[in-house]
N, C-alpha and C. Protein backbone atom coordinates (compact mmCIF):
# COMPACT_ATOMS: atom_id res chain seq x y z
N MET A 1 -31.40 18.24 4.13
CA MET A 1 -30.19 17.63 3.60
C MET A 1 -30.62 16.48 2.69
N SER A 2 -30.07 16.46 1.48
CA SER A 2 -30.43 15.40 0.53
C SER A 2 -29.76 14.09 0.92
N ALA A 3 -30.29 13.01 0.39
CA ALA A 3 -29.73 11.68 0.67
C ALA A 3 -28.30 11.58 0.15
N LYS A 4 -28.04 12.22 -0.99
CA LYS A 4 -26.70 12.18 -1.57
C LYS A 4 -25.69 12.89 -0.65
N THR A 5 -26.07 14.05 -0.12
CA THR A 5 -25.20 14.80 0.78
C THR A 5 -24.99 14.02 2.08
N LEU A 6 -26.05 13.43 2.60
CA LEU A 6 -25.95 12.64 3.83
C LEU A 6 -25.03 11.43 3.61
N ALA A 7 -25.21 10.75 2.49
CA ALA A 7 -24.36 9.58 2.19
C ALA A 7 -22.90 10.01 2.08
N ARG A 8 -22.66 11.15 1.42
CA ARG A 8 -21.29 11.63 1.28
C ARG A 8 -20.67 11.92 2.65
N LYS A 9 -21.43 12.58 3.52
CA LYS A 9 -20.90 12.91 4.84
C LYS A 9 -20.64 11.65 5.67
N VAL A 10 -21.53 10.68 5.58
CA VAL A 10 -21.38 9.46 6.37
C VAL A 10 -20.22 8.61 5.85
N LEU A 11 -20.07 8.53 4.52
CA LEU A 11 -19.05 7.65 3.94
C LEU A 11 -17.68 8.30 3.80
N THR A 12 -17.58 9.60 3.86
CA THR A 12 -16.31 10.27 3.63
C THR A 12 -15.25 9.83 4.63
N LEU A 13 -15.54 9.87 5.90
CA LEU A 13 -14.54 9.53 6.92
C LEU A 13 -14.03 8.10 6.78
N PRO A 14 -14.93 7.10 6.75
CA PRO A 14 -14.39 5.73 6.63
C PRO A 14 -13.59 5.53 5.35
N LEU A 15 -14.04 6.10 4.24
CA LEU A 15 -13.30 5.94 2.99
C LEU A 15 -11.96 6.67 3.04
N MET A 16 -11.93 7.84 3.67
CA MET A 16 -10.66 8.56 3.82
C MET A 16 -9.68 7.75 4.64
N VAL A 17 -10.14 7.22 5.75
CA VAL A 17 -9.27 6.44 6.63
C VAL A 17 -8.81 5.17 5.92
N LEU A 18 -9.72 4.49 5.23
CA LEU A 18 -9.36 3.27 4.51
C LEU A 18 -8.33 3.57 3.41
N ALA A 19 -8.57 4.61 2.63
CA ALA A 19 -7.63 4.97 1.56
C ALA A 19 -6.27 5.33 2.15
N ALA A 20 -6.27 6.11 3.21
CA ALA A 20 -5.00 6.50 3.83
C ALA A 20 -4.26 5.29 4.36
N CYS A 21 -4.96 4.38 5.01
CA CYS A 21 -4.31 3.18 5.55
C CYS A 21 -3.76 2.30 4.43
N LEU A 22 -4.52 2.13 3.36
CA LEU A 22 -4.05 1.32 2.24
C LEU A 22 -2.81 1.92 1.60
N ILE A 23 -2.83 3.23 1.38
CA ILE A 23 -1.68 3.89 0.77
C ILE A 23 -0.46 3.76 1.66
N LEU A 24 -0.63 3.98 2.95
CA LEU A 24 0.51 3.91 3.86
C LEU A 24 1.03 2.48 4.00
N PHE A 25 0.13 1.50 3.97
CA PHE A 25 0.57 0.11 4.02
C PHE A 25 1.37 -0.23 2.76
N GLU A 26 0.84 0.16 1.60
CA GLU A 26 1.57 -0.08 0.35
C GLU A 26 2.91 0.64 0.37
N ASP A 27 2.93 1.85 0.89
CA ASP A 27 4.17 2.62 0.99
C ASP A 27 5.18 1.88 1.87
N PHE A 28 4.71 1.37 3.00
CA PHE A 28 5.55 0.62 3.93
C PHE A 28 6.11 -0.63 3.24
N VAL A 29 5.24 -1.40 2.60
CA VAL A 29 5.67 -2.63 1.91
C VAL A 29 6.62 -2.28 0.77
N TRP A 30 6.27 -1.26 -0.02
CA TRP A 30 7.08 -0.84 -1.16
C TRP A 30 8.50 -0.50 -0.72
N ASN A 31 8.61 0.28 0.35
CA ASN A 31 9.93 0.68 0.85
C ASN A 31 10.76 -0.53 1.28
N ARG A 32 10.14 -1.46 1.98
CA ARG A 32 10.87 -2.65 2.43
C ARG A 32 11.29 -3.52 1.25
N ILE A 33 10.39 -3.70 0.30
CA ILE A 33 10.70 -4.54 -0.86
C ILE A 33 11.78 -3.90 -1.71
N THR A 34 11.73 -2.58 -1.88
CA THR A 34 12.75 -1.89 -2.67
C THR A 34 14.13 -2.10 -2.07
N VAL A 35 14.23 -2.04 -0.76
CA VAL A 35 15.52 -2.28 -0.10
C VAL A 35 15.99 -3.71 -0.33
N LEU A 36 15.07 -4.65 -0.15
CA LEU A 36 15.41 -6.07 -0.35
C LEU A 36 15.86 -6.33 -1.79
N VAL A 37 15.11 -5.83 -2.74
CA VAL A 37 15.45 -6.05 -4.15
C VAL A 37 16.74 -5.30 -4.51
N GLY A 38 16.99 -4.18 -3.86
CA GLY A 38 18.25 -3.46 -4.07
C GLY A 38 19.43 -4.32 -3.67
N ILE A 39 19.27 -5.09 -2.60
CA ILE A 39 20.33 -6.01 -2.18
C ILE A 39 20.52 -7.11 -3.22
N ILE A 40 19.41 -7.65 -3.68
CA ILE A 40 19.47 -8.72 -4.69
C ILE A 40 20.06 -8.21 -6.00
N SER A 41 19.84 -6.92 -6.28
CA SER A 41 20.34 -6.37 -7.56
C SER A 41 21.86 -6.37 -7.63
N GLY A 42 22.52 -6.57 -6.51
CA GLY A 42 23.98 -6.67 -6.51
C GLY A 42 24.47 -7.98 -7.12
N TRP A 43 23.58 -8.94 -7.25
CA TRP A 43 23.95 -10.20 -7.86
C TRP A 43 24.27 -9.98 -9.33
N GLN A 44 25.21 -10.70 -9.85
CA GLN A 44 25.68 -10.50 -11.22
C GLN A 44 24.56 -10.69 -12.25
N VAL A 45 23.73 -11.70 -12.07
CA VAL A 45 22.64 -11.96 -13.01
C VAL A 45 21.68 -10.78 -13.02
N MET A 46 21.34 -10.28 -11.84
CA MET A 46 20.41 -9.14 -11.75
C MET A 46 21.02 -7.88 -12.37
N ALA A 47 22.31 -7.68 -12.18
CA ALA A 47 22.97 -6.51 -12.76
C ALA A 47 22.89 -6.57 -14.29
N ARG A 48 23.06 -7.77 -14.86
CA ARG A 48 22.94 -7.91 -16.32
C ARG A 48 21.52 -7.60 -16.80
N ILE A 49 20.54 -8.09 -16.06
CA ILE A 49 19.14 -7.83 -16.42
C ILE A 49 18.86 -6.33 -16.36
N GLU A 50 19.37 -5.67 -15.31
CA GLU A 50 19.15 -4.23 -15.18
C GLU A 50 19.80 -3.46 -16.32
N ARG A 51 21.01 -3.86 -16.70
CA ARG A 51 21.67 -3.19 -17.85
C ARG A 51 20.85 -3.39 -19.11
N TRP A 52 20.29 -4.58 -19.27
CA TRP A 52 19.47 -4.87 -20.45
C TRP A 52 18.23 -3.96 -20.45
N VAL A 53 17.58 -3.82 -19.29
CA VAL A 53 16.40 -2.96 -19.19
C VAL A 53 16.77 -1.52 -19.53
N LEU A 54 17.88 -1.04 -18.99
CA LEU A 54 18.29 0.35 -19.24
C LEU A 54 18.63 0.59 -20.71
N ALA A 55 19.01 -0.46 -21.43
CA ALA A 55 19.34 -0.31 -22.85
C ALA A 55 18.09 -0.25 -23.73
N ARG A 56 16.93 -0.58 -23.19
CA ARG A 56 15.69 -0.56 -23.96
C ARG A 56 15.22 0.89 -24.14
N GLY A 57 14.42 1.09 -25.15
CA GLY A 57 13.80 2.39 -25.38
C GLY A 57 12.70 2.64 -24.36
N ARG A 58 12.17 3.84 -24.38
CA ARG A 58 11.19 4.19 -23.37
C ARG A 58 9.88 3.42 -23.52
N TYR A 59 9.46 3.11 -24.75
CA TYR A 59 8.23 2.34 -24.95
C TYR A 59 8.41 0.89 -24.51
N ALA A 60 9.57 0.32 -24.81
CA ALA A 60 9.86 -1.05 -24.37
C ALA A 60 9.92 -1.12 -22.85
N THR A 61 10.48 -0.10 -22.24
CA THR A 61 10.56 -0.05 -20.78
C THR A 61 9.16 0.01 -20.18
N LEU A 62 8.31 0.81 -20.76
CA LEU A 62 6.93 0.91 -20.29
C LEU A 62 6.23 -0.43 -20.44
N ALA A 63 6.45 -1.10 -21.54
CA ALA A 63 5.82 -2.41 -21.78
C ALA A 63 6.32 -3.46 -20.78
N LEU A 64 7.54 -3.31 -20.29
CA LEU A 64 8.08 -4.29 -19.33
C LEU A 64 7.26 -4.37 -18.05
N PHE A 65 6.51 -3.31 -17.72
CA PHE A 65 5.70 -3.34 -16.51
C PHE A 65 4.56 -4.35 -16.62
N ALA A 66 4.22 -4.76 -17.84
CA ALA A 66 3.18 -5.77 -18.02
C ALA A 66 3.69 -7.16 -17.67
N VAL A 67 5.00 -7.37 -17.69
CA VAL A 67 5.57 -8.70 -17.44
C VAL A 67 5.22 -9.23 -16.06
N PRO A 68 5.48 -8.50 -14.96
CA PRO A 68 5.13 -9.07 -13.65
C PRO A 68 3.64 -9.33 -13.50
N ILE A 69 2.83 -8.49 -14.11
CA ILE A 69 1.38 -8.65 -13.99
C ILE A 69 0.93 -9.91 -14.72
N THR A 70 1.35 -10.06 -15.97
CA THR A 70 0.91 -11.21 -16.76
C THR A 70 1.58 -12.50 -16.33
N ALA A 71 2.82 -12.43 -15.88
CA ALA A 71 3.52 -13.65 -15.47
C ALA A 71 2.91 -14.26 -14.21
N LEU A 72 2.29 -13.43 -13.38
CA LEU A 72 1.73 -13.93 -12.13
C LEU A 72 0.27 -14.35 -12.24
N VAL A 73 -0.36 -14.10 -13.39
CA VAL A 73 -1.77 -14.49 -13.56
C VAL A 73 -1.97 -15.99 -13.36
N PRO A 74 -1.16 -16.86 -13.98
CA PRO A 74 -1.37 -18.30 -13.75
C PRO A 74 -1.20 -18.69 -12.27
N ILE A 75 -0.28 -18.06 -11.58
CA ILE A 75 -0.08 -18.36 -10.16
C ILE A 75 -1.31 -17.93 -9.36
N LYS A 76 -1.88 -16.78 -9.70
CA LYS A 76 -3.08 -16.32 -9.00
C LYS A 76 -4.27 -17.23 -9.31
N LEU A 77 -4.34 -17.75 -10.53
CA LEU A 77 -5.40 -18.70 -10.87
C LEU A 77 -5.27 -19.99 -10.05
N ILE A 78 -4.04 -20.43 -9.86
CA ILE A 78 -3.80 -21.60 -9.00
C ILE A 78 -4.27 -21.30 -7.58
N ALA A 79 -4.01 -20.09 -7.12
CA ALA A 79 -4.45 -19.70 -5.77
C ALA A 79 -5.97 -19.73 -5.67
N VAL A 80 -6.65 -19.24 -6.69
CA VAL A 80 -8.11 -19.27 -6.68
C VAL A 80 -8.60 -20.71 -6.66
N TYR A 81 -7.96 -21.57 -7.44
CA TYR A 81 -8.32 -22.99 -7.44
C TYR A 81 -8.15 -23.59 -6.04
N LEU A 82 -7.05 -23.26 -5.38
CA LEU A 82 -6.81 -23.76 -4.03
C LEU A 82 -7.91 -23.30 -3.07
N ILE A 83 -8.30 -22.05 -3.18
CA ILE A 83 -9.35 -21.51 -2.30
C ILE A 83 -10.67 -22.21 -2.56
N VAL A 84 -11.02 -22.36 -3.85
CA VAL A 84 -12.29 -23.00 -4.20
C VAL A 84 -12.31 -24.47 -3.77
N SER A 85 -11.15 -25.11 -3.82
CA SER A 85 -11.10 -26.53 -3.44
C SER A 85 -10.98 -26.74 -1.94
N GLY A 86 -11.08 -25.66 -1.16
CA GLY A 86 -11.12 -25.79 0.29
C GLY A 86 -9.81 -25.51 1.00
N GLN A 87 -8.75 -25.27 0.27
CA GLN A 87 -7.46 -24.97 0.88
C GLN A 87 -7.27 -23.44 0.94
N VAL A 88 -8.12 -22.81 1.74
CA VAL A 88 -8.19 -21.35 1.79
C VAL A 88 -6.87 -20.73 2.26
N THR A 89 -6.31 -21.25 3.31
CA THR A 89 -5.06 -20.69 3.85
C THR A 89 -3.94 -20.76 2.82
N MET A 90 -3.82 -21.92 2.17
CA MET A 90 -2.78 -22.08 1.16
C MET A 90 -3.03 -21.15 -0.02
N GLY A 91 -4.27 -21.02 -0.44
CA GLY A 91 -4.61 -20.13 -1.55
C GLY A 91 -4.28 -18.68 -1.24
N ILE A 92 -4.63 -18.24 -0.04
CA ILE A 92 -4.33 -16.87 0.37
C ILE A 92 -2.83 -16.66 0.46
N ALA A 93 -2.11 -17.65 0.97
CA ALA A 93 -0.65 -17.55 1.06
C ALA A 93 -0.03 -17.42 -0.33
N VAL A 94 -0.55 -18.18 -1.29
CA VAL A 94 -0.03 -18.10 -2.66
C VAL A 94 -0.30 -16.72 -3.25
N ILE A 95 -1.49 -16.17 -3.00
CA ILE A 95 -1.81 -14.83 -3.51
C ILE A 95 -0.89 -13.79 -2.89
N VAL A 96 -0.66 -13.88 -1.58
CA VAL A 96 0.21 -12.91 -0.90
C VAL A 96 1.64 -12.99 -1.45
N VAL A 97 2.15 -14.21 -1.59
CA VAL A 97 3.51 -14.37 -2.12
C VAL A 97 3.59 -13.85 -3.55
N ALA A 98 2.59 -14.15 -4.37
CA ALA A 98 2.58 -13.66 -5.76
C ALA A 98 2.54 -12.13 -5.79
N LYS A 99 1.74 -11.54 -4.91
CA LYS A 99 1.65 -10.07 -4.85
C LYS A 99 2.99 -9.47 -4.43
N LEU A 100 3.64 -10.08 -3.45
CA LEU A 100 4.93 -9.58 -3.00
C LEU A 100 5.99 -9.70 -4.10
N ILE A 101 5.99 -10.82 -4.81
CA ILE A 101 6.95 -10.99 -5.90
C ILE A 101 6.69 -9.98 -7.01
N GLY A 102 5.42 -9.83 -7.39
CA GLY A 102 5.08 -8.85 -8.42
C GLY A 102 5.43 -7.43 -8.02
N THR A 103 5.17 -7.09 -6.76
CA THR A 103 5.51 -5.76 -6.26
C THR A 103 7.01 -5.56 -6.23
N ALA A 104 7.75 -6.59 -5.85
CA ALA A 104 9.22 -6.49 -5.80
C ALA A 104 9.79 -6.24 -7.20
N ILE A 105 9.29 -6.99 -8.17
CA ILE A 105 9.78 -6.81 -9.54
C ILE A 105 9.41 -5.42 -10.04
N SER A 106 8.16 -5.01 -9.82
CA SER A 106 7.72 -3.69 -10.27
C SER A 106 8.48 -2.58 -9.57
N ALA A 107 8.75 -2.74 -8.27
CA ALA A 107 9.48 -1.72 -7.52
C ALA A 107 10.88 -1.53 -8.08
N ARG A 108 11.57 -2.63 -8.32
CA ARG A 108 12.94 -2.52 -8.85
C ARG A 108 12.92 -1.96 -10.27
N LEU A 109 11.98 -2.43 -11.07
CA LEU A 109 11.86 -1.92 -12.45
C LEU A 109 11.59 -0.42 -12.43
N PHE A 110 10.74 0.02 -11.52
CA PHE A 110 10.44 1.45 -11.42
C PHE A 110 11.68 2.24 -11.02
N VAL A 111 12.42 1.72 -10.06
CA VAL A 111 13.62 2.43 -9.58
C VAL A 111 14.64 2.61 -10.71
N ILE A 112 14.88 1.54 -11.47
CA ILE A 112 15.92 1.64 -12.51
C ILE A 112 15.42 2.33 -13.78
N ALA A 113 14.10 2.31 -14.03
CA ALA A 113 13.59 2.85 -15.28
C ALA A 113 12.89 4.20 -15.12
N LYS A 114 12.90 4.76 -13.91
CA LYS A 114 12.17 6.01 -13.67
C LYS A 114 12.58 7.14 -14.63
N PRO A 115 13.87 7.35 -14.91
CA PRO A 115 14.21 8.43 -15.84
C PRO A 115 13.57 8.26 -17.22
N GLN A 116 13.52 7.03 -17.72
CA GLN A 116 12.89 6.79 -19.02
C GLN A 116 11.38 6.99 -18.94
N LEU A 117 10.78 6.54 -17.85
CA LEU A 117 9.33 6.67 -17.70
C LEU A 117 8.91 8.13 -17.54
N MET A 118 9.76 8.93 -16.92
CA MET A 118 9.42 10.34 -16.72
C MET A 118 9.46 11.14 -18.02
N THR A 119 9.81 10.52 -19.13
CA THR A 119 9.75 11.20 -20.42
C THR A 119 8.33 11.17 -21.00
N PHE A 120 7.45 10.37 -20.41
CA PHE A 120 6.04 10.33 -20.83
C PHE A 120 5.26 11.37 -20.03
N GLU A 121 4.59 12.28 -20.72
CA GLU A 121 3.84 13.33 -20.05
C GLU A 121 2.73 12.75 -19.17
N THR A 122 2.04 11.75 -19.66
CA THR A 122 0.97 11.13 -18.88
C THR A 122 1.52 10.46 -17.64
N PHE A 123 2.67 9.80 -17.76
CA PHE A 123 3.29 9.15 -16.61
C PHE A 123 3.64 10.18 -15.55
N VAL A 124 4.17 11.32 -15.97
CA VAL A 124 4.53 12.38 -15.03
C VAL A 124 3.28 12.88 -14.30
N LEU A 125 2.18 13.06 -15.03
CA LEU A 125 0.93 13.51 -14.40
C LEU A 125 0.43 12.51 -13.37
N VAL A 126 0.42 11.22 -13.73
CA VAL A 126 -0.03 10.18 -12.80
C VAL A 126 0.92 10.10 -11.60
N HIS A 127 2.21 10.15 -11.87
CA HIS A 127 3.21 10.10 -10.79
C HIS A 127 3.00 11.24 -9.80
N ASP A 128 2.80 12.45 -10.32
CA ASP A 128 2.58 13.61 -9.44
C ASP A 128 1.29 13.46 -8.63
N ARG A 129 0.24 12.95 -9.25
CA ARG A 129 -1.02 12.77 -8.52
C ARG A 129 -0.88 11.72 -7.43
N VAL A 130 -0.16 10.65 -7.73
CA VAL A 130 0.07 9.62 -6.71
C VAL A 130 0.85 10.20 -5.54
N LEU A 131 1.88 11.00 -5.83
CA LEU A 131 2.66 11.62 -4.76
C LEU A 131 1.80 12.57 -3.92
N ARG A 132 0.93 13.34 -4.59
CA ARG A 132 0.03 14.23 -3.84
C ARG A 132 -0.93 13.43 -2.97
N PHE A 133 -1.44 12.33 -3.51
CA PHE A 133 -2.36 11.49 -2.74
C PHE A 133 -1.65 10.88 -1.54
N LYS A 134 -0.41 10.44 -1.72
CA LYS A 134 0.36 9.91 -0.60
C LYS A 134 0.60 10.98 0.46
N ALA A 135 0.90 12.20 0.02
CA ALA A 135 1.09 13.29 0.98
C ALA A 135 -0.21 13.55 1.75
N TRP A 136 -1.33 13.50 1.03
CA TRP A 136 -2.63 13.67 1.67
C TRP A 136 -2.86 12.56 2.69
N ALA A 137 -2.54 11.30 2.32
CA ALA A 137 -2.74 10.16 3.22
C ALA A 137 -1.91 10.33 4.48
N HIS A 138 -0.66 10.77 4.33
CA HIS A 138 0.18 11.01 5.50
C HIS A 138 -0.41 12.12 6.37
N GLN A 139 -0.97 13.16 5.74
CA GLN A 139 -1.57 14.26 6.49
C GLN A 139 -2.80 13.77 7.25
N VAL A 140 -3.64 12.97 6.59
CA VAL A 140 -4.84 12.45 7.25
C VAL A 140 -4.45 11.59 8.44
N VAL A 141 -3.45 10.73 8.25
CA VAL A 141 -3.01 9.87 9.35
C VAL A 141 -2.48 10.72 10.50
N ALA A 142 -1.72 11.76 10.18
CA ALA A 142 -1.18 12.63 11.23
C ALA A 142 -2.30 13.37 11.95
N GLU A 143 -3.27 13.91 11.19
CA GLU A 143 -4.35 14.68 11.82
C GLU A 143 -5.27 13.80 12.64
N LEU A 144 -5.49 12.57 12.19
CA LEU A 144 -6.38 11.68 12.92
C LEU A 144 -5.67 10.97 14.07
N GLY A 145 -4.36 11.07 14.10
CA GLY A 145 -3.62 10.42 15.17
C GLY A 145 -3.61 8.90 15.05
N VAL A 146 -3.64 8.39 13.82
CA VAL A 146 -3.70 6.94 13.60
C VAL A 146 -2.46 6.27 14.18
N ARG A 147 -1.29 6.86 13.96
CA ARG A 147 -0.08 6.23 14.49
C ARG A 147 -0.12 6.14 16.02
N GLU A 148 -0.59 7.22 16.65
CA GLU A 148 -0.68 7.21 18.11
C GLU A 148 -1.70 6.18 18.58
N ALA A 149 -2.83 6.09 17.87
CA ALA A 149 -3.85 5.10 18.24
C ALA A 149 -3.31 3.68 18.08
N LEU A 150 -2.56 3.44 17.01
CA LEU A 150 -1.95 2.12 16.82
C LEU A 150 -0.92 1.83 17.90
N ALA A 151 -0.17 2.84 18.31
CA ALA A 151 0.81 2.65 19.39
C ALA A 151 0.09 2.31 20.69
N ARG A 152 -1.02 2.99 20.96
CA ARG A 152 -1.80 2.67 22.16
C ARG A 152 -2.39 1.27 22.09
N LEU A 153 -2.85 0.88 20.88
CA LEU A 153 -3.38 -0.46 20.69
C LEU A 153 -2.31 -1.51 20.96
N ARG A 154 -1.10 -1.30 20.41
CA ARG A 154 0.00 -2.23 20.66
C ARG A 154 0.34 -2.30 22.15
N ALA A 155 0.35 -1.14 22.81
CA ALA A 155 0.66 -1.11 24.24
C ALA A 155 -0.41 -1.84 25.04
N SER A 156 -1.67 -1.67 24.68
CA SER A 156 -2.73 -2.36 25.43
C SER A 156 -2.70 -3.86 25.16
N LEU A 157 -2.34 -4.26 23.94
CA LEU A 157 -2.21 -5.69 23.65
C LEU A 157 -1.05 -6.30 24.44
N ARG A 158 0.07 -5.56 24.51
CA ARG A 158 1.22 -6.04 25.31
C ARG A 158 0.81 -6.16 26.78
N ALA A 159 0.09 -5.15 27.27
CA ALA A 159 -0.34 -5.17 28.67
C ALA A 159 -1.28 -6.35 28.93
N ALA A 160 -2.18 -6.61 27.98
CA ALA A 160 -3.12 -7.72 28.14
C ALA A 160 -2.37 -9.06 28.15
N ARG A 161 -1.35 -9.18 27.30
CA ARG A 161 -0.56 -10.41 27.27
C ARG A 161 0.20 -10.62 28.57
N GLN A 162 0.59 -9.52 29.19
CA GLN A 162 1.34 -9.60 30.44
C GLN A 162 0.41 -9.66 31.66
N GLY A 163 -0.90 -9.60 31.41
CA GLY A 163 -1.87 -9.72 32.50
C GLY A 163 -2.06 -8.47 33.33
N ARG A 164 -1.69 -7.32 32.81
CA ARG A 164 -1.90 -6.08 33.56
C ARG A 164 -2.86 -5.19 32.78
N PRO A 165 -3.60 -4.33 33.48
CA PRO A 165 -4.56 -3.47 32.79
C PRO A 165 -3.86 -2.41 31.94
N ALA A 166 -4.47 -2.07 30.84
CA ALA A 166 -3.92 -1.04 29.94
C ALA A 166 -4.35 0.33 30.44
N GLN A 167 -3.60 1.34 30.03
CA GLN A 167 -3.93 2.71 30.40
C GLN A 167 -5.32 3.10 29.89
N LYS A 168 -5.52 2.92 28.59
CA LYS A 168 -6.79 3.26 27.98
C LYS A 168 -7.07 2.19 26.95
N SER A 169 -8.28 1.69 26.90
CA SER A 169 -8.58 0.61 25.96
C SER A 169 -8.42 1.11 24.53
N TRP A 170 -8.06 0.18 23.66
CA TRP A 170 -7.88 0.58 22.26
C TRP A 170 -9.20 1.01 21.66
N GLY A 171 -10.32 0.44 22.15
CA GLY A 171 -11.64 0.84 21.66
C GLY A 171 -11.93 2.30 22.00
N ALA A 172 -11.59 2.69 23.24
CA ALA A 172 -11.80 4.08 23.65
C ALA A 172 -10.91 5.02 22.83
N ALA A 173 -9.68 4.58 22.57
CA ALA A 173 -8.77 5.40 21.77
C ALA A 173 -9.31 5.55 20.35
N LEU A 174 -9.86 4.46 19.80
CA LEU A 174 -10.42 4.51 18.45
C LEU A 174 -11.61 5.46 18.39
N ILE A 175 -12.47 5.40 19.39
CA ILE A 175 -13.63 6.30 19.44
C ILE A 175 -13.15 7.75 19.53
N ASP A 176 -12.13 8.01 20.34
CA ASP A 176 -11.57 9.36 20.43
C ASP A 176 -11.09 9.83 19.05
N ARG A 177 -10.42 8.97 18.33
CA ARG A 177 -9.89 9.33 17.01
C ARG A 177 -11.02 9.59 16.02
N LEU A 178 -12.05 8.76 16.05
CA LEU A 178 -13.18 8.96 15.13
C LEU A 178 -13.91 10.26 15.43
N LEU A 179 -14.07 10.58 16.71
CA LEU A 179 -14.70 11.85 17.06
C LEU A 179 -13.84 13.04 16.62
N ALA A 180 -12.53 12.90 16.75
CA ALA A 180 -11.64 13.97 16.27
C ALA A 180 -11.74 14.11 14.77
N ALA A 181 -11.84 13.00 14.06
CA ALA A 181 -11.99 13.04 12.61
C ALA A 181 -13.31 13.70 12.21
N ARG A 182 -14.36 13.39 12.96
CA ARG A 182 -15.66 14.01 12.68
C ARG A 182 -15.58 15.51 12.86
N ARG A 183 -14.91 15.96 13.92
CA ARG A 183 -14.73 17.40 14.13
C ARG A 183 -13.92 18.01 13.00
N LEU A 184 -12.91 17.31 12.55
CA LEU A 184 -12.07 17.77 11.45
C LEU A 184 -12.88 17.94 10.17
N LEU A 185 -13.75 16.96 9.89
CA LEU A 185 -14.60 17.04 8.69
C LEU A 185 -15.59 18.19 8.80
N ARG A 186 -16.15 18.39 9.98
CA ARG A 186 -17.10 19.49 10.14
C ARG A 186 -16.44 20.84 9.95
N ARG A 187 -15.17 20.97 10.39
CA ARG A 187 -14.44 22.22 10.18
C ARG A 187 -14.21 22.50 8.71
N SER A 188 -13.98 21.42 7.93
CA SER A 188 -13.65 21.62 6.51
C SER A 188 -14.89 21.91 5.67
N ASP A 189 -16.12 21.67 6.21
CA ASP A 189 -17.34 21.95 5.44
C ASP A 189 -17.63 23.41 5.32
């Protein structure tokens, strides 16, 4: 077995699990933020902004996605300054808040401008690939039993807080899941 093949086999599982967890976390956050911003969109000022966005052409709408990214750059630079100057917690908090605000704006913009964006062939291709990747991430999580392992971890943490022994340690559950994933990968080879 070559070093490249060995590296691929060793790194595939952790990278698959990491990618699936990141996608599902983003999906979870995206869904919550979309609901929250949907509530805010009922405000008169937001309704006017949305009408203005819908009146733009498809290229202008596409360009609007650069606004949340570029508008938050100075805030992220301030966060980096805070971290470098020793205020790590405050810096991380600023980055998290900036990311949530940027995601909220992008989520709402995507929801209202999706019909215009779907007129771009490249956008449709990327959108479809993202949806396929999300479906794959959900499948990996289901096959690996990540949700069940997390539920067992939460139950064991609750049991530990209450001073009673857990049914099965979260470490043992994690090892069980990793072994199941290894078997799954071997079947697919």
